[in-house]
PDB file of N, CA and C in Angstrom:
ATOM      1  N   MET A   1      16.665 100.680  60.580  1.00  0.00           N
ATOM      2  CA  MET A   1      17.104 101.469  59.388  1.00  0.00           C
ATOM      3  C   MET A   1      18.888 101.265  60.007  1.00  0.00           C
ATOM      4  N   ALA A   2      18.830 101.252  58.148  1.00  0.00           N
ATOM      5  CA  ALA A   2      20.838 100.695  57.810  1.00  0.00           C
ATOM      6  C   ALA A   2      21.623 101.095  58.727  1.00  0.00           C
ATOM      7  N   LYS A   3      22.557 100.900  58.869  1.00  0.00           N
ATOM      8  CA  LYS A   3      23.736 101.391  59.385  1.00  0.00           C
ATOM      9  C   LYS A   3      24.722 102.196  57.803  1.00  0.00           C
ATOM     10  N   LEU A   4      24.524 103.543  58.216  1.00  0.00           N
ATOM     11  CA  LEU A   4      25.462 103.938  57.117  1.00  0.00           C
ATOM     12  C   LEU A   4      26.904 103.665  56.633  1.00  0.00           C
ATOM     13  N   LEU A   5      27.452 103.661  55.827  1.00  0.00           N
ATOM     14  CA  LEU A   5      28.969 103.011  55.838  1.00  0.00           C
ATOM     15  C   LEU A   5      29.456 103.818  55.754  1.00  0.00           C
ATOM     16  N   SER A   6      31.206 103.597  56.744  1.00  0.00           N
ATOM     17  CA  SER A   6      31.885 105.125  56.960  1.00  0.00           C
ATOM     18  C   SER A   6      33.483 104.629  56.346  1.00  0.00           C
ATOM     19  N   LEU A   7      33.854 105.423  54.899  1.00  0.00           N
ATOM     20  CA  LEU A   7      34.570 104.777  54.417  1.00  0.00           C
ATOM     21  C   LEU A   7      35.946 105.915  54.465  1.00  0.00           C
ATOM     22  N   SER A   8      37.217 105.188  54.866  1.00  0.00           N
ATOM     23  CA  SER A   8      38.197 106.539  54.736  1.00  0.00           C
ATOM     24  C   SER A   8      38.305 107.102  53.141  1.00  0.00           C
ATOM     25  N   THR A   9      39.234 108.303  53.352  1.00  0.00           N
ATOM     26  CA  THR A   9      39.185 108.889  52.177  1.00  0.00           C
ATOM     27  C   THR A   9      39.824 108.065  51.152  1.00  0.00           C
ATOM     28  N   ARG A  10      40.722 107.595  51.549  1.00  0.00           N
ATOM     29  CA  ARG A  10      41.680 106.817  50.621  1.00  0.00           C
ATOM     30  C   ARG A  10      41.205 105.604  49.930  1.00  0.00           C
ATOM     31  N   THR A  11      40.196 105.049  50.839  1.00  0.00           N
ATOM     32  CA  THR A  11      38.878 104.332  50.467  1.00  0.00           C
ATOM     33  C   THR A  11      38.276 104.844  49.316  1.00  0.00           C
ATOM     34  N   GLN A  12      37.476 106.191  49.797  1.00  0.00           N
ATOM     35  CA  GLN A  12      36.954 106.589  48.895  1.00  0.00           C
ATOM     36  C   GLN A  12      37.244 106.705  47.379  1.00  0.00           C
ATOM     37  N   THR A  13      38.638 107.316  47.674  1.00  0.00           N
ATOM     38  CA  THR A  13      39.715 107.576  46.351  1.00  0.00           C
ATOM     39  C   THR A  13      39.711 106.241  45.553  1.00  0.00           C
ATOM     40  N   VAL A  14      40.057 105.521  45.967  1.00  0.00           N
ATOM     41  CA  VAL A  14      40.544 104.461  45.464  1.00  0.00           C
ATOM     42  C   VAL A  14      39.005 103.859  44.568  1.00  0.00           C
ATOM     43  N   LEU A  15      37.959 103.859  44.945  1.00  0.00           N
ATOM     44  CA  LEU A  15      36.656 103.583  44.585  1.00  0.00           C
ATOM     45  C   LEU A  15      36.747 104.282  43.608  1.00  0.00           C
ATOM     46  N   GLN A  16      36.952 105.956  43.422  1.00  0.00           N
ATOM     47  CA  GLN A  16      36.406 106.814  42.557  1.00  0.00           C
ATOM     48  C   GLN A  16      37.437 106.742  40.987  1.00  0.00           C
ATOM     49  N   VAL A  17      38.818 106.106  41.530  1.00  0.00           N
ATOM     50  CA  VAL A  17      39.784 105.667  40.493  1.00  0.00           C
ATOM     51  C   VAL A  17      39.127 104.345  39.541  1.00  0.00           C
ATOM     52  N   PHE A  18      38.578 103.460  39.973  1.00  0.00           N
ATOM     53  CA  PHE A  18      38.477 102.384  39.999  1.00  0.00           C
ATOM     54  C   PHE A  18      37.227 102.135  39.131  1.00  0.00           C
ATOM     55  N   ALA A  19      36.148 103.289  39.483  1.00  0.00           N
ATOM     56  CA  ALA A  19      35.047 103.395  38.684  1.00  0.00           C
ATOM     57  C   ALA A  19      35.405 104.413  37.758  1.00  0.00           C
ATOM     58  N   GLY A  20      36.831 105.281  37.264  1.00  0.00           N
ATOM     59  CA  GLY A  20      36.605 105.992  36.502  1.00  0.00           C
ATOM     60  C   GLY A  20      37.083 105.029  35.382  1.00  0.00           C
ATOM     61  N   MET A  21      38.495 104.180  36.191  1.00  0.00           N
ATOM     62  CA  MET A  21      39.059 102.726  34.981  1.00  0.00           C
ATOM     63  C   MET A  21      37.741 101.980  34.188  1.00  0.00           C
ATOM     64  N   ILE A  22      36.815 101.974  34.878  1.00  0.00           N
ATOM     65  CA  ILE A  22      35.756 100.728  34.330  1.00  0.00           C
ATOM     66  C   ILE A  22      35.190 101.582  33.273  1.00  0.00           C
ATOM     67  N   ARG A  23      34.680 102.865  33.564  1.00  0.00           N
ATOM     68  CA  ARG A  23      33.658 103.496  33.227  1.00  0.00           C
ATOM     69  C   ARG A  23      34.842 103.669  31.452  1.00  0.00           C
ATOM     70  N   ALA A  24      36.056 104.732  31.442  1.00  0.00           N
ATOM     71  CA  ALA A  24      36.673 104.471  30.389  1.00  0.00           C
ATOM     72  C   ALA A  24      37.189 103.049  29.533  1.00  0.00           C
ATOM     73  N   ALA A  25      37.117 102.602  30.068  1.00  0.00           N
ATOM     74  CA  ALA A  25      37.263 101.039  29.556  1.00  0.00           C
ATOM     75  C   ALA A  25      36.342 100.723  28.902  1.00  0.00           C
ATOM     76  N   ARG A  26      35.232 100.586  29.473  1.00  0.00           N
ATOM     77  CA  ARG A  26      33.935 100.367  28.838  1.00  0.00           C
ATOM     78  C   ARG A  26      33.520 101.180  27.313  1.00  0.00           C
ATOM     79  N   LEU A  27      33.895 102.790  27.415  1.00  0.00           N
ATOM     80  CA  LEU A  27      33.971 103.899  26.974  1.00  0.00           C
ATOM     81  C   LEU A  27      34.881 103.492  25.684  1.00  0.00           C
ATOM     82  N   GLU A  28      36.334 103.432  25.696  1.00  0.00           N
ATOM     83  CA  GLU A  28      37.267 102.339  24.474  1.00  0.00           C
ATOM     84  C   GLU A  28      36.847 101.916  23.952  1.00  0.00           C
ATOM     85  N   ARG A  29      35.621 100.483  24.137  1.00  0.00           N
ATOM     86  CA  ARG A  29      35.078  99.248  23.611  1.00  0.00           C
ATOM     87  C   ARG A  29      33.709  99.703  22.856  1.00  0.00           C
ATOM     88  N   LYS A  30      33.866 100.818  22.930  1.00  0.00           N
ATOM     89  CA  LYS A  30      32.641 101.534  22.287  1.00  0.00           C
ATOM     90  C   LYS A  30      31.182 100.556  22.674  1.00  0.00           C
ATOM     91  N   MET A  31      31.123 100.353  24.439  1.00  0.00           N
ATOM     92  CA  MET A  31      29.878  99.391  24.729  1.00  0.00           C
ATOM     93  C   MET A  31      28.967 100.625  25.335  1.00  0.00           C
ATOM     94  N   PRO A  32      28.045 100.913  25.128  1.00  0.00           N
ATOM     95  CA  PRO A  32      26.773 101.550  25.747  1.00  0.00           C
ATOM     96  C   PRO A  32      26.582 100.675  27.022  1.00  0.00           C
ATOM     97  N   GLN A  33      26.071 101.201  28.405  1.00  0.00           N
ATOM     98  CA  GLN A  33      25.967 101.169  29.905  1.00  0.00           C
ATOM     99  C   GLN A  33      25.042  99.807  29.725  1.00  0.00           C
ATOM    100  N   GLN A  34      23.865 100.004  29.108  1.00  0.00           N
ATOM    101  CA  GLN A  34      22.929  99.362  28.788  1.00  0.00           C
ATOM    102  C   GLN A  34      23.658  97.404  28.163  1.00  0.00           C
ATOM    103  N   ASP A  35      24.292  97.553  27.495  1.00  0.00           N
ATOM    104  CA  ASP A  35      25.107  96.314  27.117  1.00  0.00           C
ATOM    105  C   ASP A  35      25.730  96.074  28.288  1.00  0.00           C
ATOM    106  N   LEU A  36      26.439  96.330  28.670  1.00  0.00           N
ATOM    107  CA  LEU A  36      27.596  95.998  30.157  1.00  0.00           C
ATOM    108  C   LEU A  36      26.095  95.292  30.947  1.00  0.00           C
ATOM    109  N   ALA A  37      25.295  96.102  31.199  1.00  0.00           N
ATOM    110  CA  ALA A  37      24.535  95.802  32.227  1.00  0.00           C
ATOM    111  C   ALA A  37      23.513  94.626  31.905  1.00  0.00           C
ATOM    112  N   GLU A  38      23.633  94.175  30.451  1.00  0.00           N
ATOM    113  CA  GLU A  38      22.884  92.943  30.214  1.00  0.00           C
ATOM    114  C   GLU A  38      23.514  91.797  30.307  1.00  0.00           C
ATOM    115  N   ARG A  39      25.329  92.004  30.059  1.00  0.00           N
ATOM    116  CA  ARG A  39      26.237  90.689  30.421  1.00  0.00           C
ATOM    117  C   ARG A  39      26.510  90.454  31.677  1.00  0.00           C
ATOM    118  N   LEU A  40      26.344  91.388  32.843  1.00  0.00           N
ATOM    119  CA  LEU A  40      26.040  91.494  34.306  1.00  0.00           C
ATOM    120  C   LEU A  40      25.012  90.532  34.417  1.00  0.00           C
ATOM    121  N   GLY A  41      23.861  90.820  33.656  1.00  0.00           N
ATOM    122  CA  GLY A  41      22.666  90.616  34.726  1.00  0.00           C
ATOM    123  C   GLY A  41      22.405  91.491  35.623  1.00  0.00           C
ATOM    124  N   VAL A  42      22.450  92.993  35.792  1.00  0.00           N
ATOM    125  CA  VAL A  42      21.846  93.907  36.143  1.00  0.00           C
ATOM    126  C   VAL A  42      20.663  95.227  35.572  1.00  0.00           C
ATOM    127  N   SER A  43      20.668  95.933  35.963  1.00  0.00           N
ATOM    128  CA  SER A  43      20.113  96.817  35.425  1.00  0.00           C
ATOM    129  C   SER A  43      21.291  98.375  35.308  1.00  0.00           C
ATOM    130  N   ARG A  44      20.965  98.960  34.280  1.00  0.00           N
ATOM    131  CA  ARG A  44      21.993  99.887  34.067  1.00  0.00           C
ATOM    132  C   ARG A  44      21.956 100.733  34.995  1.00  0.00           C
ATOM    133  N   GLN A  45      20.982 101.504  36.120  1.00  0.00           N
ATOM    134  CA  GLN A  45      21.355 102.084  37.155  1.00  0.00           C
ATOM    135  C   GLN A  45      22.438 101.495  37.848  1.00  0.00           C
ATOM    136  N   THR A  46      21.996 100.148  37.676  1.00  0.00           N
ATOM    137  CA  THR A  46      23.483  99.471  38.478  1.00  0.00           C
ATOM    138  C   THR A  46      25.155 100.017  37.997  1.00  0.00           C
ATOM    139  N   ILE A  47      25.156  99.491  36.764  1.00  0.00           N
ATOM    140  CA  ILE A  47      26.383 100.403  35.986  1.00  0.00           C
ATOM    141  C   ILE A  47      26.660 101.911  36.316  1.00  0.00           C
ATOM    142  N   SER A  48      25.623 102.479  36.234  1.00  0.00           N
ATOM    143  CA  SER A  48      25.554 103.835  36.299  1.00  0.00           C
ATOM    144  C   SER A  48      26.400 103.927  37.965  1.00  0.00           C
ATOM    145  N   ALA A  49      25.883 103.427  38.575  1.00  0.00           N
ATOM    146  CA  ALA A  49      26.373 103.277  40.449  1.00  0.00           C
ATOM    147  C   ALA A  49      27.795 102.598  40.680  1.00  0.00           C
ATOM    148  N   ILE A  50      28.354 101.962  39.495  1.00  0.00           N
ATOM    149  CA  ILE A  50      29.702 101.285  39.558  1.00  0.00           C
ATOM    150  C   ILE A  50      30.503 102.278  38.997  1.00  0.00           C
ATOM    151  N   GLU A  51      30.221 103.365  37.957  1.00  0.00           N
ATOM    152  CA  GLU A  51      30.997 103.836  37.394  1.00  0.00           C
ATOM    153  C   GLU A  51      31.014 105.677  38.092  1.00  0.00           C
ATOM    154  N   LYS A  52      30.095 105.341  39.469  1.00  0.00           N
ATOM    155  CA  LYS A  52      30.240 106.705  40.416  1.00  0.00           C
ATOM    156  C   LYS A  52      30.932 106.254  41.337  1.00  0.00           C
ATOM    157  N   GLY A  53      31.167 105.385  41.270  1.00  0.00           N
ATOM    158  CA  GLY A  53      31.775 104.361  42.609  1.00  0.00           C
ATOM    159  C   GLY A  53      31.195 104.146  43.606  1.00  0.00           C
ATOM    160  N   ASP A  54      30.075 104.057  43.793  1.00  0.00           N
ATOM    161  CA  ASP A  54      29.341 103.695  45.137  1.00  0.00           C
ATOM    162  C   ASP A  54      29.382 102.429  45.487  1.00  0.00           C
ATOM    163  N   ALA A  55      29.719 102.469  46.677  1.00  0.00           N
ATOM    164  CA  ALA A  55      30.364 101.602  47.813  1.00  0.00           C
ATOM    165  C   ALA A  55      29.361 100.580  47.888  1.00  0.00           C
ATOM    166  N   LYS A  56      28.302 100.857  47.411  1.00  0.00           N
ATOM    167  CA  LYS A  56      27.064  99.630  48.217  1.00  0.00           C
ATOM    168  C   LYS A  56      26.599  98.731  47.400  1.00  0.00           C
ATOM    169  N   VAL A  57      27.254  98.823  46.190  1.00  0.00           N
ATOM    170  CA  VAL A  57      27.361  97.762  45.111  1.00  0.00           C
ATOM    171  C   VAL A  57      27.942  96.841  45.359  1.00  0.00           C
ATOM    172  N   ALA A  58      27.770  95.405  45.124  1.00  0.00           N
ATOM    173  CA  ALA A  58      28.139  94.514  45.836  1.00  0.00           C
ATOM    174  C   ALA A  58      29.784  94.223  45.126  1.00  0.00           C
ATOM    175  N   ILE A  59      30.718  94.192  45.420  1.00  0.00           N
ATOM    176  CA  ILE A  59      32.047  93.705  44.968  1.00  0.00           C
ATOM    177  C   ILE A  59      32.243  92.713  43.636  1.00  0.00           C
ATOM    178  N   GLY A  60      31.492  91.834  44.128  1.00  0.00           N
ATOM    179  CA  GLY A  60      31.613  90.860  43.182  1.00  0.00           C
ATOM    180  C   GLY A  60      31.059  91.047  41.412  1.00  0.00           C
ATOM    181  N   THR A  61      30.114  91.826  41.443  1.00  0.00           N
ATOM    182  CA  THR A  61      29.369  92.650  40.424  1.00  0.00           C
ATOM    183  C   THR A  61      30.216  93.711  39.598  1.00  0.00           C
ATOM    184  N   VAL A  62      30.921  94.295  40.868  1.00  0.00           N
ATOM    185  CA  VAL A  62      32.132  95.417  40.505  1.00  0.00           C
ATOM    186  C   VAL A  62      33.672  94.758  40.150  1.00  0.00           C
ATOM    187  N   PHE A  63      33.319  93.790  40.714  1.00  0.00           N
ATOM    188  CA  PHE A  63      34.651  93.091  39.700  1.00  0.00           C
ATOM    189  C   PHE A  63      34.267  92.343  38.207  1.00  0.00           C
ATOM    190  N   GLU A  64      33.539  91.586  38.209  1.00  0.00           N
ATOM    191  CA  GLU A  64      32.632  90.960  37.067  1.00  0.00           C
ATOM    192  C   GLU A  64      32.417  92.263  35.931  1.00  0.00           C
ATOM    193  N   ALA A  65      32.261  93.444  36.730  1.00  0.00           N
ATOM    194  CA  ALA A  65      32.205  94.696  35.308  1.00  0.00           C
ATOM    195  C   ALA A  65      33.784  94.864  34.541  1.00  0.00           C
ATOM    196  N   ALA A  66      34.654  95.409  35.562  1.00  0.00           N
ATOM    197  CA  ALA A  66      35.905  94.912  35.572  1.00  0.00           C
ATOM    198  C   ALA A  66      36.490  93.775  34.554  1.00  0.00           C
ATOM    199  N   ALA A  67      36.282  92.772  34.659  1.00  0.00           N
ATOM    200  CA  ALA A  67      36.753  92.023  33.796  1.00  0.00           C
ATOM    201  C   ALA A  67      36.080  91.823  32.238  1.00  0.00           C
ATOM    202  N   ILE A  68      34.839  92.149  32.376  1.00  0.00           N
ATOM    203  CA  ILE A  68      34.170  92.162  31.083  1.00  0.00           C
ATOM    204  C   ILE A  68      34.682  93.393  30.299  1.00  0.00           C
ATOM    205  N   VAL A  69      34.879  94.855  30.911  1.00  0.00           N
ATOM    206  CA  VAL A  69      35.942  95.687  30.087  1.00  0.00           C
ATOM    207  C   VAL A  69      37.207  95.528  29.934  1.00  0.00           C
ATOM    208  N   GLY A  70      37.634  94.498  30.612  1.00  0.00           N
ATOM    209  CA  GLY A  70      39.018  94.470  30.069  1.00  0.00           C
ATOM    210  C   GLY A  70      40.235  94.539  31.163  1.00  0.00           C
ATOM    211  N   ILE A  71      39.665  94.755  32.212  1.00  0.00           N
ATOM    212  CA  ILE A  71      40.079  95.339  33.580  1.00  0.00           C
ATOM    213  C   ILE A  71      41.138  94.401  34.404  1.00  0.00           C
ATOM    214  N   PRO A  72      42.109  93.842  33.960  1.00  0.00           N
ATOM    215  CA  PRO A  72      42.816  92.679  35.286  1.00  0.00           C
ATOM    216  C   PRO A  72      42.671  93.169  36.254  1.00  0.00           C
ATOM    217  N   LEU A  73      42.479  92.055  37.297  1.00  0.00           N
ATOM    218  CA  LEU A  73      42.323  91.887  39.062  1.00  0.00           C
ATOM    219  C   LEU A  73      43.240  91.088  39.118  1.00  0.00           C
ATOM    220  N   LEU A  74      44.011  91.658  40.167  1.00  0.00           N
ATOM    221  CA  LEU A  74      45.639  90.951  40.692  1.00  0.00           C
ATOM    222  C   LEU A  74      46.575  90.569  39.594  1.00  0.00           C
ATOM    223  N   ALA A  75      46.142  90.074  38.723  1.00  0.00           N
ATOM    224  CA  ALA A  75      46.867  89.345  37.738  1.00  0.00           C
ATOM    225  C   ALA A  75      46.300  89.334  36.105  1.00  0.00           C
ATOM    226  N   GLU A  76      47.597  89.705  35.331  1.00  0.00           N
ATOM    227  CA  GLU A  76      47.567  89.889  33.641  1.00  0.00           C
ATOM    228  C   GLU A  76      46.515  88.556  33.306  1.00  0.00           C
ATOM    229  N   SER A  77      47.224  87.506  33.687  1.00  0.00           N
ATOM    230  CA  SER A  77      46.304  86.473  32.900  1.00  0.00           C
ATOM    231  C   SER A  77      46.095  85.416  33.834  1.00  0.00           C
ATOM    232  N   SER A  78      45.857  84.526  33.304  1.00  0.00           N
ATOM    233  CA  SER A  78      44.531  83.298  34.342  1.00  0.00           C
ATOM    234  C   SER A  78      45.981  82.923  35.116  1.00  0.00           C
ATOM    235  N   ARG A  79      46.873  82.467  34.001  1.00  0.00           N
ATOM    236  CA  ARG A  79      47.979  81.760  34.272  1.00  0.00           C
ATOM    237  C   ARG A  79      48.520  82.366  35.947  1.00  0.00           C
ATOM    238  N   ASP A  80      48.662  83.551  35.814  1.00  0.00           N
ATOM    239  CA  ASP A  80      49.218  84.736  36.656  1.00  0.00           C
ATOM    240  C   ASP A  80      48.506  84.793  38.178  1.00  0.00           C
ATOM    241  N   LEU A  81      47.406  84.211  37.646  1.00  0.00           N
ATOM    242  CA  LEU A  81      46.233  84.298  38.650  1.00  0.00           C
ATOM    243  C   LEU A  81      46.169  83.205  39.635  1.00  0.00           C
ATOM    244  N   GLN A  82      46.263  82.120  38.599  1.00  0.00           N
ATOM    245  CA  GLN A  82      46.565  80.531  39.606  1.00  0.00           C
ATOM    246  C   GLN A  82      47.643  80.553  40.395  1.00  0.00           C
ATOM    247  N   ARG A  83      48.813  81.089  39.553  1.00  0.00           N
ATOM    248  CA  ARG A  83      50.212  80.734  40.387  1.00  0.00           C
ATOM    249  C   ARG A  83      49.922  81.583  41.764  1.00  0.00           C
ATOM    250  N   LEU A  84      49.472  83.046  41.888  1.00  0.00           N
ATOM    251  CA  LEU A  84      49.304  83.799  42.950  1.00  0.00           C
ATOM    252  C   LEU A  84      47.964  83.267  43.809  1.00  0.00           C
ATOM    253  N   SER A  85      47.069  82.517  43.586  1.00  0.00           N
ATOM    254  CA  SER A  85      45.842  81.688  44.273  1.00  0.00           C
ATOM    255  C   SER A  85      47.014  80.962  44.785  1.00  0.00           C
ATOM    256  N   THR A  86      47.853  80.172  44.537  1.00  0.00           N
ATOM    257  CA  THR A  86      48.399  79.004  45.068  1.00  0.00           C
ATOM    258  C   THR A  86      49.520  79.685  46.133  1.00  0.00           C
ATOM    259  N   THR A  87      50.105  80.627  46.037  1.00  0.00           N
ATOM    260  CA  THR A  87      50.711  81.428  46.699  1.00  0.00           C
ATOM    261  C   THR A  87      49.924  81.753  48.356  1.00  0.00           C
ATOM    262  N   VAL A  88      49.083  82.220  47.720  1.00  0.00           N
ATOM    263  CA  VAL A  88      48.753  83.091  49.146  1.00  0.00           C
ATOM    264  C   VAL A  88      47.766  81.315  49.817  1.00  0.00           C
ATOM    265  N   ALA A  89      47.253  80.534  48.905  1.00  0.00           N
ATOM    266  CA  ALA A  89      46.998  79.415  50.050  1.00  0.00           C
ATOM    267  C   ALA A  89      48.431  79.007  50.771  1.00  0.00           C
ATOM    268  N   GLY A  90      49.140  78.554  50.166  1.00  0.00           N
ATOM    269  CA  GLY A  90      50.179  78.464  51.310  1.00  0.00           C
ATOM    270  C   GLY A  90      50.710  79.237  52.459  1.00  0.00           C
ATOM    271  N   LEU A  91      50.658  80.457  51.938  1.00  0.00           N
ATOM    272  CA  LEU A  91      50.619  81.556  53.100  1.00  0.00           C
ATOM    273  C   LEU A  91      49.739  81.307  53.834  1.00  0.00           C
ATOM    274  N   THR A  92      48.610  81.044  53.731  1.00  0.00           N
ATOM    275  CA  THR A  92      47.275  80.763  54.721  1.00  0.00           C
ATOM    276  C   THR A  92      47.366  80.091  55.748  1.00  0.00           C
ATOM    277  N   SER A  93      47.724  78.475  55.189  1.00  0.00           N
ATOM    278  CA  SER A  93      47.765  77.533  55.734  1.00  0.00           C
ATOM    279  C   SER A  93      48.701  77.382  57.237  1.00  0.00           C
ATOM    280  N   LEU A  94      49.749  78.562  56.683  1.00  0.00           N
ATOM    281  CA  LEU A  94      50.877  78.736  57.890  1.00  0.00           C
ATOM    282  C   LEU A  94      50.195  79.323  59.244  1.00  0.00           C
ATOM    283  N   LEU A  95      49.261  80.375  58.729  1.00  0.00           N
ATOM    284  CA  LEU A  95      48.820  80.918  59.496  1.00  0.00           C
ATOM    285  C   LEU A  95      47.379  80.203  60.573  1.00  0.00           C
ATOM    286  N   PRO A  96      47.249  80.762  61.976  1.00  0.00           N
ATOM    287  CA  PRO A  96      45.843  80.327  62.925  1.00  0.00           C
ATOM    288  C   PRO A  96      45.226  81.104  62.120  1.00  0.00           C
ATOM    289  N   GLU A  97      44.136  79.510  62.446  1.00  0.00           N
ATOM    290  CA  GLU A  97      42.877  79.496  61.935  1.00  0.00           C
ATOM    291  C   GLU A  97      42.396  81.117  62.331  1.00  0.00           C
ATOM    292  N   ARG A  98      42.164  81.565  63.052  1.00  0.00           N
ATOM    293  CA  ARG A  98      41.669  82.952  64.031  1.00  0.00           C
ATOM    294  C   ARG A  98      42.737  84.048  64.835  1.00  0.00           C
ATOM    295  N   ALA A  99      42.410  84.778  64.883  1.00  0.00           N
ATOM    296  CA  ALA A  99      43.702  85.754  65.696  1.00  0.00           C
ATOM    297  C   ALA A  99      42.626  85.807  66.976  1.00  0.00           C
ATOM    298  N   ARG A 100      43.540  85.565  67.991  1.00  0.00           N
ATOM    299  CA  ARG A 100      43.104  85.599  69.645  1.00  0.00           C
ATOM    300  C   ARG A 100      44.037  87.576  70.101  1.00  0.00           C
ATOM    301  N   VAL A 101      43.632  87.881  70.976  1.00  0.00           N
ATOM    302  CA  VAL A 101      43.661  88.580  71.834  1.00  0.00           C
ATOM    303  C   VAL A 101      44.225  87.564  72.831  1.00  0.00           C
ATOM    304  N   PRO A 102      45.680  88.158  72.877  1.00  0.00           N
ATOM    305  CA  PRO A 102      45.994  87.134  74.615  1.00  0.00           C
ATOM    306  C   PRO A 102      45.343  88.199  75.778  1.00  0.00           C
ATOM    307  N   GLN A 103      45.294  87.200  76.490  1.00  0.00           N
ATOM    308  CA  GLN A 103      44.658  87.605  78.187  1.00  0.00           C
ATOM    309  C   GLN A 103      45.796  88.029  78.724  1.00  0.00           C
ATOM    310  N   VAL A 104      45.614  88.898  79.292  1.00  0.00           N
ATOM    311  CA  VAL A 104      46.392  89.346  80.372  1.00  0.00           C
ATOM    312  C   VAL A 104      46.278  89.626  81.706  1.00  0.00           C
ATOM    313  N   GLU A 105      46.587  88.901  82.654  1.00  0.00           N
ATOM    314  CA  GLU A 105      46.344  88.763  84.174  1.00  0.00           C
ATOM    315  C   GLU A 105      46.609  89.571  84.634  1.00  0.00           C
ATOM    316  N   LEU A 106      45.764  90.164  85.420  1.00  0.00           N
ATOM    317  CA  LEU A 106      46.525  91.328  86.117  1.00  0.00           C
ATOM    318  C   LEU A 106      46.601  90.947  87.677  1.00  0.00           C
ATOM    319  N   ASP A 107      48.008  91.522  87.855  1.00  0.00           N
ATOM    320  CA  ASP A 107      48.582  91.207  89.369  1.00  0.00           C
ATOM    321  C   ASP A 107      48.125  92.403  90.333  1.00  0.00           C
ATOM    322  N   ASP A 108      46.528  92.583  90.994  1.00  0.00           N
ATOM    323  CA  ASP A 108      46.349  93.161  92.028  1.00  0.00           C
ATOM    324  C   ASP A 108      46.771  92.746  93.260  1.00  0.00           C
ATOM    325  N   ASP A 109      47.518  91.943  93.719  1.00  0.00           N
ATOM    326  CA  ASP A 109      48.104  91.900  95.009  1.00  0.00           C
ATOM    327  C   ASP A 109      48.647  92.752  95.414  1.00  0.00           C
ATOM    328  N   PHE A 110      48.755  94.039  95.980  1.00  0.00           N
ATOM    329  CA  PHE A 110      49.345  94.990  96.499  1.00  0.00           C
ATOM    330  C   PHE A 110      50.147  94.736  97.759  1.00  0.00           C
TER     331      PHE A 110
END
């Protein structure tokens, strides 16, 4: 049996807002759910799930739906997105490869 996904109220709200944005943009373009589904290569039911903010839809599918209906992700243009990508790559190169919790030695010699 699959473990149920437990999301914070904030995350659930963000999903609902993003779902509403995708739906509004699709309707603004007078695009039926079936047309968006065909462009994405998914079922119309998946589009319905995206527009309901269903957390079980793959994030790549949601992002691609947003891009198709014209919602910018992280940046307005490809150039800005590339600049952001370069910045993030530079920052991550300065960080350690993994996080480690320092081991504390206990002094139990009384």
